[in-house]
Amino acid sequence: MAQLLVNGIVAGLLLALPALALSLTFSVLRFANYAIGSYLSCGAFLVYVGNVMLGLPLWLAAIAGAILFAVLAVAIDWLAFRPLRNRSGVTLLVASMGVAIALENVIRFFAGNSPRAYNVAVARPMRFGEIRLNHEQLTILMTVITALVVVWVVFRFTRLGRMMRAVADNPDLAAVRGISRSRVVAYVWLISGTLTALSGVLVGLDANVEPQMGWTYLLPVFTAAILGGIANPMAAVAGALTLGIAEELATLVMPVHYRMVVTFLVMVVLLLVRPWGLFGTRWVSK
């Protein structure tokens, strides 16, 4: 049971960064970014290029890849989403589907469909009593916790965090107070792009790097964000941890390859019973 809980926490942390990125963009832009899975894949492949093809250490390739993809996320916003900024959330959702298809096919064109792996040394797992923790899991724990702490500090104690909260709460009032919405949106894409690229690296470490990796995580990421409260970014982290532990505990009564069924059932129940999430607040469109 202790091993399952540890595995569930690690699985939840893998979902935490993209769920946080999805919730952050939703809170400011009010649309669900369907391309979040393709963003994850694209970030993972950018890091793969730096790590395997250019021979950089993984940590340096991850930093460079995250920065590059953050800039790319802003460029995608300017090309695909900014011209539709005043349209409905459904229109932006459909646009994000187009972005997802385009990114996935670009990855397939340059990288093919074969699974790949990062160039990291093989090491024995560490044991803490009856609990086994491999180096990939330790890397996931340290990276995600560090990223979450940094984002929380930015949200709570910086002017940028106050600006993002103001735009998320009431963009018109924020504009009256002199807050530039376009600048806030650019920072939101920079942050969400960085988080998604880092999550792509961690998913690639945990499994393989391949074009469909983001698609595999799309439903769990959306479920985690909705479970926490999709308009409440930090609550999405709690939703991701809850979902990760639930998936692992479900393996006690069902085969491992049916874990996605748990995610689907959680999504259905949430949409029917509490669509604003466990930790979110109910809001009604005017």
C-alpha atoms as a PDB file:
ATOM      1  CA  MET A   1       0.000   0.000   0.000  1.00  0.00           C
ATOM      2  CA  ALA A   2       2.847   2.403   0.846  1.00  0.00           C
ATOM      3  CA  GLN A   3       4.462   1.722  -2.534  1.00  0.00           C
ATOM      4  CA  LEU A   4       1.155   2.373  -4.303  1.00  0.00           C
ATOM      5  CA  LEU A   5       0.755   5.682  -2.482  1.00  0.00           C
ATOM      6  CA  VAL A   6       4.266   6.760  -3.468  1.00  0.00           C
ATOM      7  CA  ASN A   7       3.626   5.743  -7.078  1.00  0.00           C
ATOM      8  CA  GLY A   8       0.301   7.615  -6.972  1.00  0.00           C
ATOM      9  CA  ILE A   9       1.972  10.787  -5.710  1.00  0.00           C
ATOM     10  CA  VAL A  10       4.559  10.582  -8.509  1.00  0.00           C
ATOM     11  CA  ALA A  11       1.809   9.952 -11.081  1.00  0.00           C
ATOM     12  CA  GLY A  12      -0.122  12.928  -9.707  1.00  0.00           C
ATOM     13  CA  LEU A  13       2.940  15.159  -9.892  1.00  0.00           C
ATOM     14  CA  LEU A  14       3.383  14.211 -13.551  1.00  0.00           C
ATOM     15  CA  LEU A  15      -0.120  15.610 -14.120  1.00  0.00           C
ATOM     16  CA  ALA A  16       0.340  18.624 -11.849  1.00  0.00           C
ATOM     17  CA  LEU A  17       2.395  20.875 -14.138  1.00  0.00           C
ATOM     18  CA  PRO A  18       0.261  20.552 -17.319  1.00  0.00           C
ATOM     19  CA  ALA A  19      -2.926  20.729 -15.212  1.00  0.00           C
ATOM     20  CA  LEU A  20      -1.625  23.922 -13.609  1.00  0.00           C
ATOM     21  CA  ALA A  21      -0.744  25.329 -17.048  1.00  0.00           C
ATOM     22  CA  LEU A  22      -4.200  24.441 -18.395  1.00  0.00           C
ATOM     23  CA  SER A  23      -5.946  25.991 -15.399  1.00  0.00           C
ATOM     24  CA  LEU A  24      -3.796  29.122 -15.583  1.00  0.00           C
ATOM     25  CA  THR A  25      -4.630  29.813 -19.227  1.00  0.00           C
ATOM     26  CA  PHE A  26      -8.307  29.075 -18.574  1.00  0.00           C
ATOM     27  CA  SER A  27      -8.479  31.468 -15.616  1.00  0.00           C
ATOM     28  CA  VAL A  28      -7.091  34.359 -17.681  1.00  0.00           C
ATOM     29  CA  LEU A  29      -8.352  33.593 -21.208  1.00  0.00           C
ATOM     30  CA  ARG A  30     -11.530  31.619 -20.377  1.00  0.00           C
ATOM     31  CA  PHE A  31     -10.992  28.790 -22.825  1.00  0.00           C
ATOM     32  CA  ALA A  32      -9.774  25.230 -22.416  1.00  0.00           C
ATOM     33  CA  ASN A  33      -6.557  24.761 -24.370  1.00  0.00           C
ATOM     34  CA  TYR A  34      -7.003  21.412 -26.121  1.00  0.00           C
ATOM     35  CA  ALA A  35      -3.453  21.702 -27.477  1.00  0.00           C
ATOM     36  CA  ILE A  36      -1.954  21.168 -24.001  1.00  0.00           C
ATOM     37  CA  GLY A  37      -1.085  17.563 -24.906  1.00  0.00           C
ATOM     38  CA  SER A  38       0.703  18.585 -28.105  1.00  0.00           C
ATOM     39  CA  TYR A  39       2.537  21.293 -26.142  1.00  0.00           C
ATOM     40  CA  LEU A  40       3.793  18.553 -23.817  1.00  0.00           C
ATOM     41  CA  SER A  41       5.025  16.460 -26.765  1.00  0.00           C
ATOM     42  CA  CYS A  42       6.649  19.431 -28.474  1.00  0.00           C
ATOM     43  CA  GLY A  43       8.515  20.434 -25.306  1.00  0.00           C
ATOM     44  CA  ALA A  44       9.712  16.860 -24.809  1.00  0.00           C
ATOM     45  CA  PHE A  45      11.096  16.678 -28.370  1.00  0.00           C
ATOM     46  CA  LEU A  46      12.840  20.050 -28.093  1.00  0.00           C
ATOM     47  CA  VAL A  47      14.639  18.739 -25.018  1.00  0.00           C
ATOM     48  CA  TYR A  48      15.388  15.486 -26.854  1.00  0.00           C
ATOM     49  CA  VAL A  49      17.135  17.453 -29.598  1.00  0.00           C
ATOM     50  CA  GLY A  50      19.298  19.232 -27.041  1.00  0.00           C
ATOM     51  CA  ASN A  51      20.042  16.141 -24.971  1.00  0.00           C
ATOM     52  CA  VAL A  52      20.576  13.431 -27.621  1.00  0.00           C
ATOM     53  CA  MET A  53      21.337  15.219 -30.881  1.00  0.00           C
ATOM     54  CA  LEU A  54      23.397  18.091 -29.450  1.00  0.00           C
ATOM     55  CA  GLY A  55      24.874  16.139 -26.539  1.00  0.00           C
ATOM     56  CA  LEU A  56      23.835  18.506 -23.755  1.00  0.00           C
ATOM     57  CA  PRO A  57      23.293  17.216 -20.216  1.00  0.00           C
ATOM     58  CA  LEU A  58      19.608  16.578 -19.598  1.00  0.00           C
ATOM     59  CA  TRP A  59      19.253  19.359 -17.014  1.00  0.00           C
ATOM     60  CA  LEU A  60      20.754  21.929 -19.408  1.00  0.00           C
ATOM     61  CA  ALA A  61      18.713  20.631 -22.351  1.00  0.00           C
ATOM     62  CA  ALA A  62      15.565  20.829 -20.179  1.00  0.00           C
ATOM     63  CA  ILE A  63      16.220  24.468 -19.283  1.00  0.00           C
ATOM     64  CA  ALA A  64      16.977  25.423 -22.887  1.00  0.00           C
ATOM     65  CA  GLY A  65      14.000  23.464 -24.226  1.00  0.00           C
ATOM     66  CA  ALA A  66      11.621  24.984 -21.670  1.00  0.00           C
ATOM     67  CA  ILE A  67      12.751  28.519 -22.574  1.00  0.00           C
ATOM     68  CA  LEU A  68      12.461  27.832 -26.305  1.00  0.00           C
ATOM     69  CA  PHE A  69       9.017  26.344 -25.985  1.00  0.00           C
ATOM     70  CA  ALA A  70       7.833  29.187 -23.728  1.00  0.00           C
ATOM     71  CA  VAL A  71       8.728  31.608 -26.534  1.00  0.00           C
ATOM     72  CA  LEU A  72       7.035  29.295 -29.039  1.00  0.00           C
ATOM     73  CA  ALA A  73       3.871  29.263 -26.898  1.00  0.00           C
ATOM     74  CA  VAL A  74       3.744  33.073 -27.051  1.00  0.00           C
ATOM     75  CA  ALA A  75       4.265  32.950 -30.824  1.00  0.00           C
ATOM     76  CA  ILE A  76       1.427  30.426 -31.198  1.00  0.00           C
ATOM     77  CA  ASP A  77      -0.812  32.730 -29.173  1.00  0.00           C
ATOM     78  CA  TRP A  78      -0.030  35.662 -31.470  1.00  0.00           C
ATOM     79  CA  LEU A  79      -0.639  33.615 -34.615  1.00  0.00           C
ATOM     80  CA  ALA A  80      -3.626  31.467 -33.621  1.00  0.00           C
ATOM     81  CA  PHE A  81      -5.369  32.798 -30.519  1.00  0.00           C
ATOM     82  CA  ARG A  82      -4.833  36.561 -30.434  1.00  0.00           C
ATOM     83  CA  PRO A  83      -6.880  37.241 -33.612  1.00  0.00           C
ATOM     84  CA  LEU A  84      -9.769  35.331 -31.955  1.00  0.00           C
ATOM     85  CA  ARG A  85      -9.415  36.896 -28.501  1.00  0.00           C
ATOM     86  CA  ASN A  86     -12.877  38.488 -28.541  1.00  0.00           C
ATOM     87  CA  ARG A  87     -14.627  35.355 -29.791  1.00  0.00           C
ATOM     88  CA  SER A  88     -16.328  32.764 -27.603  1.00  0.00           C
ATOM     89  CA  GLY A  89     -14.519  30.110 -25.617  1.00  0.00           C
ATOM     90  CA  VAL A  90     -15.853  27.461 -28.010  1.00  0.00           C
ATOM     91  CA  THR A  91     -14.207  29.211 -30.964  1.00  0.00           C
ATOM     92  CA  LEU A  92     -10.880  29.319 -29.140  1.00  0.00           C
ATOM     93  CA  LEU A  93     -11.283  25.666 -28.148  1.00  0.00           C
ATOM     94  CA  VAL A  94     -11.728  24.707 -31.811  1.00  0.00           C
ATOM     95  CA  ALA A  95      -8.688  26.829 -32.717  1.00  0.00           C
ATOM     96  CA  SER A  96      -6.639  24.978 -30.084  1.00  0.00           C
ATOM     97  CA  MET A  97      -7.681  21.685 -31.707  1.00  0.00           C
ATOM     98  CA  GLY A  98      -6.217  22.946 -34.962  1.00  0.00           C
ATOM     99  CA  VAL A  99      -3.020  23.944 -33.182  1.00  0.00           C
ATOM    100  CA  ALA A 100      -2.814  20.470 -31.604  1.00  0.00           C
ATOM    101  CA  ILE A 101      -3.168  18.732 -34.975  1.00  0.00           C
ATOM    102  CA  ALA A 102      -0.599  21.039 -36.595  1.00  0.00           C
ATOM    103  CA  LEU A 103       2.008  20.552 -33.841  1.00  0.00           C
ATOM    104  CA  GLU A 104       1.579  16.784 -33.759  1.00  0.00           C
ATOM    105  CA  ASN A 105       2.057  16.523 -37.529  1.00  0.00           C
ATOM    106  CA  VAL A 106       5.122  18.776 -37.434  1.00  0.00           C
ATOM    107  CA  ILE A 107       6.632  16.453 -34.810  1.00  0.00           C
ATOM    108  CA  ARG A 108       5.795  13.399 -36.915  1.00  0.00           C
ATOM    109  CA  PHE A 109       7.298  15.014 -40.028  1.00  0.00           C
ATOM    110  CA  PHE A 110      10.664  15.689 -38.402  1.00  0.00           C
ATOM    111  CA  ALA A 111      10.899  12.872 -35.830  1.00  0.00           C
ATOM    112  CA  GLY A 112       8.774  10.046 -37.202  1.00  0.00           C
ATOM    113  CA  ASN A 113       6.676   7.745 -35.033  1.00  0.00           C
ATOM    114  CA  SER A 114       9.366   5.703 -33.291  1.00  0.00           C
ATOM    115  CA  PRO A 115       9.630   5.972 -29.503  1.00  0.00           C
ATOM    116  CA  ARG A 116      12.875   7.431 -28.199  1.00  0.00           C
ATOM    117  CA  ALA A 117      14.619   7.845 -24.860  1.00  0.00           C
ATOM    118  CA  TYR A 118      16.746  10.544 -23.276  1.00  0.00           C
ATOM    119  CA  ASN A 119      20.468   9.993 -22.852  1.00  0.00           C
ATOM    120  CA  VAL A 120      20.642   9.358 -19.108  1.00  0.00           C
ATOM    121  CA  ALA A 121      22.717   6.935 -17.103  1.00  0.00           C
ATOM    122  CA  VAL A 122      21.062   3.763 -15.851  1.00  0.00           C
ATOM    123  CA  ALA A 123      21.037   3.559 -12.042  1.00  0.00           C
ATOM    124  CA  ARG A 124      19.685   1.165  -9.455  1.00  0.00           C
ATOM    125  CA  PRO A 125      16.541   2.262  -7.590  1.00  0.00           C
ATOM    126  CA  MET A 126      16.875   3.431  -3.994  1.00  0.00           C
ATOM    127  CA  ARG A 127      15.104   1.590  -1.203  1.00  0.00           C
ATOM    128  CA  PHE A 128      13.585   3.135   1.907  1.00  0.00           C
ATOM    129  CA  GLY A 129      12.414   0.160   3.888  1.00  0.00           C
ATOM    130  CA  GLU A 130       9.760  -1.536   1.758  1.00  0.00           C
ATOM    131  CA  ILE A 131       9.440   1.447  -0.594  1.00  0.00           C
ATOM    132  CA  ARG A 132      11.409   1.548  -3.830  1.00  0.00           C
ATOM    133  CA  LEU A 133      12.117   4.909  -5.494  1.00  0.00           C
ATOM    134  CA  ASN A 134      13.983   5.029  -8.787  1.00  0.00           C
ATOM    135  CA  HIS A 135      16.011   8.016  -9.958  1.00  0.00           C
ATOM    136  CA  GLU A 136      13.384   9.079 -12.494  1.00  0.00           C
ATOM    137  CA  GLN A 137      10.755   9.262  -9.745  1.00  0.00           C
ATOM    138  CA  LEU A 138      13.136  11.251  -7.536  1.00  0.00           C
ATOM    139  CA  THR A 139      13.788  13.658 -10.399  1.00  0.00           C
ATOM    140  CA  ILE A 140      10.038  14.064 -10.917  1.00  0.00           C
ATOM    141  CA  LEU A 141       9.486  14.784  -7.215  1.00  0.00           C
ATOM    142  CA  MET A 142      12.256  17.378  -6.973  1.00  0.00           C
ATOM    143  CA  THR A 143      11.499  19.119 -10.279  1.00  0.00           C
ATOM    144  CA  VAL A 144       7.739  19.396  -9.831  1.00  0.00           C
ATOM    145  CA  ILE A 145       7.918  20.516  -6.195  1.00  0.00           C
ATOM    146  CA  THR A 146      10.512  23.178  -7.090  1.00  0.00           C
ATOM    147  CA  ALA A 147       8.418  24.421 -10.035  1.00  0.00           C
ATOM    148  CA  LEU A 148       5.253  24.540  -7.917  1.00  0.00           C
ATOM    149  CA  VAL A 149       6.985  26.517  -5.170  1.00  0.00           C
ATOM    150  CA  VAL A 150       8.317  29.032  -7.704  1.00  0.00           C
ATOM    151  CA  VAL A 151       4.889  29.460  -9.319  1.00  0.00           C
ATOM    152  CA  TRP A 152       3.194  29.828  -5.926  1.00  0.00           C
ATOM    153  CA  VAL A 153       5.677  32.530  -4.901  1.00  0.00           C
ATOM    154  CA  VAL A 154       5.044  34.359  -8.188  1.00  0.00           C
ATOM    155  CA  PHE A 155       1.268  34.145  -7.680  1.00  0.00           C
ATOM    156  CA  ARG A 156       1.256  35.285  -4.062  1.00  0.00           C
ATOM    157  CA  PHE A 157       4.143  37.712  -3.614  1.00  0.00           C
ATOM    158  CA  THR A 158       4.924  39.458  -6.906  1.00  0.00           C
ATOM    159  CA  ARG A 159       3.320  42.258  -8.887  1.00  0.00           C
ATOM    160  CA  LEU A 160       2.938  39.906 -11.838  1.00  0.00           C
ATOM    161  CA  GLY A 161       0.917  37.510  -9.702  1.00  0.00           C
ATOM    162  CA  ARG A 162      -1.376  40.324  -8.568  1.00  0.00           C
ATOM    163  CA  MET A 163      -1.815  41.426 -12.175  1.00  0.00           C
ATOM    164  CA  MET A 164      -2.720  37.885 -13.268  1.00  0.00           C
ATOM    165  CA  ARG A 165      -5.261  37.529 -10.467  1.00  0.00           C
ATOM    166  CA  ALA A 166      -6.774  40.907 -11.330  1.00  0.00           C
ATOM    167  CA  VAL A 167      -7.159  40.057 -15.022  1.00  0.00           C
ATOM    168  CA  ALA A 168      -8.585  36.622 -14.143  1.00  0.00           C
ATOM    169  CA  ASP A 169     -11.158  38.153 -11.760  1.00  0.00           C
ATOM    170  CA  ASN A 170     -12.264  41.139 -13.850  1.00  0.00           C
ATOM    171  CA  PRO A 171     -10.324  42.091 -17.008  1.00  0.00           C
ATOM    172  CA  ASP A 172     -12.324  45.279 -17.584  1.00  0.00           C
ATOM    173  CA  LEU A 173     -11.677  46.597 -14.072  1.00  0.00           C
ATOM    174  CA  ALA A 174      -8.019  45.586 -14.372  1.00  0.00           C
ATOM    175  CA  ALA A 175      -7.747  47.615 -17.598  1.00  0.00           C
ATOM    176  CA  VAL A 176      -9.238  50.648 -15.837  1.00  0.00           C
ATOM    177  CA  ARG A 177      -6.524  50.302 -13.184  1.00  0.00           C
ATOM    178  CA  GLY A 178      -3.855  50.424 -15.889  1.00  0.00           C
ATOM    179  CA  ILE A 179      -3.068  46.705 -16.138  1.00  0.00           C
ATOM    180  CA  SER A 180      -2.219  45.653 -19.689  1.00  0.00           C
ATOM    181  CA  ARG A 181      -4.149  42.487 -20.490  1.00  0.00           C
ATOM    182  CA  SER A 182      -1.981  41.690 -23.511  1.00  0.00           C
ATOM    183  CA  ARG A 183       1.155  41.804 -21.357  1.00  0.00           C
ATOM    184  CA  VAL A 184      -0.417  39.565 -18.727  1.00  0.00           C
ATOM    185  CA  VAL A 185      -1.522  37.101 -21.409  1.00  0.00           C
ATOM    186  CA  ALA A 186       2.036  36.967 -22.774  1.00  0.00           C
ATOM    187  CA  TYR A 187       3.400  36.199 -19.295  1.00  0.00           C
ATOM    188  CA  VAL A 188       0.722  33.538 -18.798  1.00  0.00           C
ATOM    189  CA  TRP A 189       1.786  31.786 -22.004  1.00  0.00           C
ATOM    190  CA  LEU A 190       5.441  32.030 -21.003  1.00  0.00           C
ATOM    191  CA  ILE A 191       4.717  30.398 -17.650  1.00  0.00           C
ATOM    192  CA  SER A 192       2.344  27.755 -18.998  1.00  0.00           C
ATOM    193  CA  GLY A 193       4.725  26.944 -21.869  1.00  0.00           C
ATOM    194  CA  THR A 194       7.604  26.471 -19.441  1.00  0.00           C
ATOM    195  CA  LEU A 195       5.528  24.242 -17.152  1.00  0.00           C
ATOM    196  CA  THR A 196       4.252  22.115 -20.035  1.00  0.00           C
ATOM    197  CA  ALA A 197       7.720  21.663 -21.542  1.00  0.00           C
ATOM    198  CA  LEU A 198       9.118  20.579 -18.169  1.00  0.00           C
ATOM    199  CA  SER A 199       6.268  18.105 -17.766  1.00  0.00           C
ATOM    200  CA  GLY A 200       7.092  16.710 -21.213  1.00  0.00           C
ATOM    201  CA  VAL A 201      10.654  16.023 -20.079  1.00  0.00           C
ATOM    202  CA  LEU A 202       9.430  14.269 -16.945  1.00  0.00           C
ATOM    203  CA  VAL A 203       6.908  12.159 -18.876  1.00  0.00           C
ATOM    204  CA  GLY A 204       9.681  11.235 -21.310  1.00  0.00           C
ATOM    205  CA  LEU A 205      11.868  10.169 -18.400  1.00  0.00           C
ATOM    206  CA  ASP A 206       9.071   8.110 -16.896  1.00  0.00           C
ATOM    207  CA  ALA A 207       8.181   6.408 -20.200  1.00  0.00           C
ATOM    208  CA  ASN A 208       9.317   7.258 -23.755  1.00  0.00           C
ATOM    209  CA  VAL A 209       9.474  10.286 -26.004  1.00  0.00           C
ATOM    210  CA  GLU A 210       7.066   9.821 -28.918  1.00  0.00           C
ATOM    211  CA  PRO A 211       4.495  11.963 -30.787  1.00  0.00           C
ATOM    212  CA  GLN A 212       1.464  10.414 -29.040  1.00  0.00           C
ATOM    213  CA  MET A 213       2.727  10.974 -25.492  1.00  0.00           C
ATOM    214  CA  GLY A 214       0.764  14.203 -25.109  1.00  0.00           C
ATOM    215  CA  TRP A 215      -2.432  12.616 -26.427  1.00  0.00           C
ATOM    216  CA  THR A 216      -2.100   9.886 -23.777  1.00  0.00           C
ATOM    217  CA  TYR A 217      -2.025  12.517 -21.033  1.00  0.00           C
ATOM    218  CA  LEU A 218      -4.741  14.787 -22.453  1.00  0.00           C
ATOM    219  CA  LEU A 219      -7.732  13.234 -20.646  1.00  0.00           C
ATOM    220  CA  PRO A 220      -5.941  12.871 -17.263  1.00  0.00           C
ATOM    221  CA  VAL A 221      -4.718  16.484 -17.442  1.00  0.00           C
ATOM    222  CA  PHE A 222      -8.204  17.834 -18.168  1.00  0.00           C
ATOM    223  CA  THR A 223      -9.685  15.631 -15.453  1.00  0.00           C
ATOM    224  CA  ALA A 224      -7.101  16.792 -12.907  1.00  0.00           C
ATOM    225  CA  ALA A 225      -7.721  20.459 -13.738  1.00  0.00           C
ATOM    226  CA  ILE A 226     -11.508  20.051 -13.496  1.00  0.00           C
ATOM    227  CA  LEU A 227     -11.210  17.967 -10.329  1.00  0.00           C
ATOM    228  CA  GLY A 228      -9.342  20.727  -8.542  1.00  0.00           C
ATOM    229  CA  GLY A 229     -11.296  23.592 -10.093  1.00  0.00           C
ATOM    230  CA  ILE A 230     -10.250  24.617 -13.569  1.00  0.00           C
ATOM    231  CA  ALA A 231     -10.517  28.348 -12.827  1.00  0.00           C
ATOM    232  CA  ASN A 232      -8.315  27.964  -9.720  1.00  0.00           C
ATOM    233  CA  PRO A 233      -4.747  27.207 -10.874  1.00  0.00           C
ATOM    234  CA  MET A 234      -3.164  26.001  -7.630  1.00  0.00           C
ATOM    235  CA  ALA A 235      -6.201  23.817  -6.851  1.00  0.00           C
ATOM    236  CA  ALA A 236      -5.463  21.918 -10.069  1.00  0.00           C
ATOM    237  CA  VAL A 237      -2.367  20.552  -8.320  1.00  0.00           C
ATOM    238  CA  ALA A 238      -4.529  19.038  -5.590  1.00  0.00           C
ATOM    239  CA  GLY A 239      -6.777  17.574  -8.284  1.00  0.00           C
ATOM    240  CA  ALA A 240      -3.763  16.025 -10.023  1.00  0.00           C
ATOM    241  CA  LEU A 241      -2.509  14.405  -6.816  1.00  0.00           C
ATOM    242  CA  THR A 242      -5.972  13.090  -5.996  1.00  0.00           C
ATOM    243  CA  LEU A 243      -6.358  11.592  -9.466  1.00  0.00           C
ATOM    244  CA  GLY A 244      -2.878  10.063  -9.470  1.00  0.00           C
ATOM    245  CA  ILE A 245      -3.420   8.317  -6.141  1.00  0.00           C
ATOM    246  CA  ALA A 246      -6.890   7.142  -7.202  1.00  0.00           C
ATOM    247  CA  GLU A 247      -5.491   5.607 -10.390  1.00  0.00           C
ATOM    248  CA  GLU A 248      -2.786   3.733  -8.492  1.00  0.00           C
ATOM    249  CA  LEU A 249      -5.134   2.445  -5.812  1.00  0.00           C
ATOM    250  CA  ALA A 250      -7.514   1.251  -8.518  1.00  0.00           C
ATOM    251  CA  THR A 251      -4.854  -1.256  -9.612  1.00  0.00           C
ATOM    252  CA  LEU A 252      -5.682  -3.215  -6.450  1.00  0.00           C
ATOM    253  CA  VAL A 253      -8.970  -4.279  -8.038  1.00  0.00           C
ATOM    254  CA  MET A 254      -8.360  -3.975 -11.785  1.00  0.00           C
ATOM    255  CA  PRO A 255      -5.527  -4.553 -14.291  1.00  0.00           C
ATOM    256  CA  VAL A 256      -3.007  -1.727 -14.728  1.00  0.00           C
ATOM    257  CA  HIS A 257      -3.949  -1.084 -18.361  1.00  0.00           C
ATOM    258  CA  TYR A 258      -7.512  -0.160 -17.250  1.00  0.00           C
ATOM    259  CA  ARG A 259      -6.336   2.831 -15.200  1.00  0.00           C
ATOM    260  CA  MET A 260      -7.709   5.213 -17.827  1.00  0.00           C
ATOM    261  CA  VAL A 261     -11.199   3.938 -16.981  1.00  0.00           C
ATOM    262  CA  VAL A 262     -10.821   5.529 -13.529  1.00  0.00           C
ATOM    263  CA  THR A 263      -9.923   8.862 -15.133  1.00  0.00           C
ATOM    264  CA  PHE A 264     -12.920   8.669 -17.466  1.00  0.00           C
ATOM    265  CA  LEU A 265     -15.332   7.823 -14.635  1.00  0.00           C
ATOM    266  CA  VAL A 266     -13.992  10.672 -12.480  1.00  0.00           C
ATOM    267  CA  MET A 267     -14.470  13.082 -15.388  1.00  0.00           C
ATOM    268  CA  VAL A 268     -18.045  11.935 -16.031  1.00  0.00           C
ATOM    269  CA  VAL A 269     -19.057  12.134 -12.352  1.00  0.00           C
ATOM    270  CA  LEU A 270     -17.516  15.586 -11.982  1.00  0.00           C
ATOM    271  CA  LEU A 271     -19.269  16.988 -15.042  1.00  0.00           C
ATOM    272  CA  LEU A 272     -22.593  15.634 -13.807  1.00  0.00           C
ATOM    273  CA  VAL A 273     -22.315  16.449 -10.092  1.00  0.00           C
ATOM    274  CA  ARG A 274     -19.776  19.222  -9.514  1.00  0.00           C
ATOM    275  CA  PRO A 275     -18.406  20.685 -12.777  1.00  0.00           C
ATOM    276  CA  TRP A 276     -16.698  23.573 -10.963  1.00  0.00           C
ATOM    277  CA  GLY A 277     -14.413  21.097  -9.152  1.00  0.00           C
ATOM    278  CA  LEU A 278     -13.811  20.003  -5.590  1.00  0.00           C
ATOM    279  CA  PHE A 279     -11.877  23.128  -4.640  1.00  0.00           C
ATOM    280  CA  GLY A 280     -13.314  25.615  -7.121  1.00  0.00           C
ATOM    281  CA  THR A 281     -16.162  28.052  -6.691  1.00  0.00           C
ATOM    282  CA  ARG A 282     -19.337  27.988  -8.702  1.00  0.00           C
ATOM    283  CA  TRP A 283     -19.577  30.735 -11.278  1.00  0.00           C
ATOM    284  CA  VAL A 284     -22.392  31.570 -13.651  1.00  0.00           C
ATOM    285  CA  SER A 285     -21.805  33.259 -16.983  1.00  0.00           C
ATOM    286  CA  LYS A 286     -23.663  36.541 -17.431  1.00  0.00           C
END
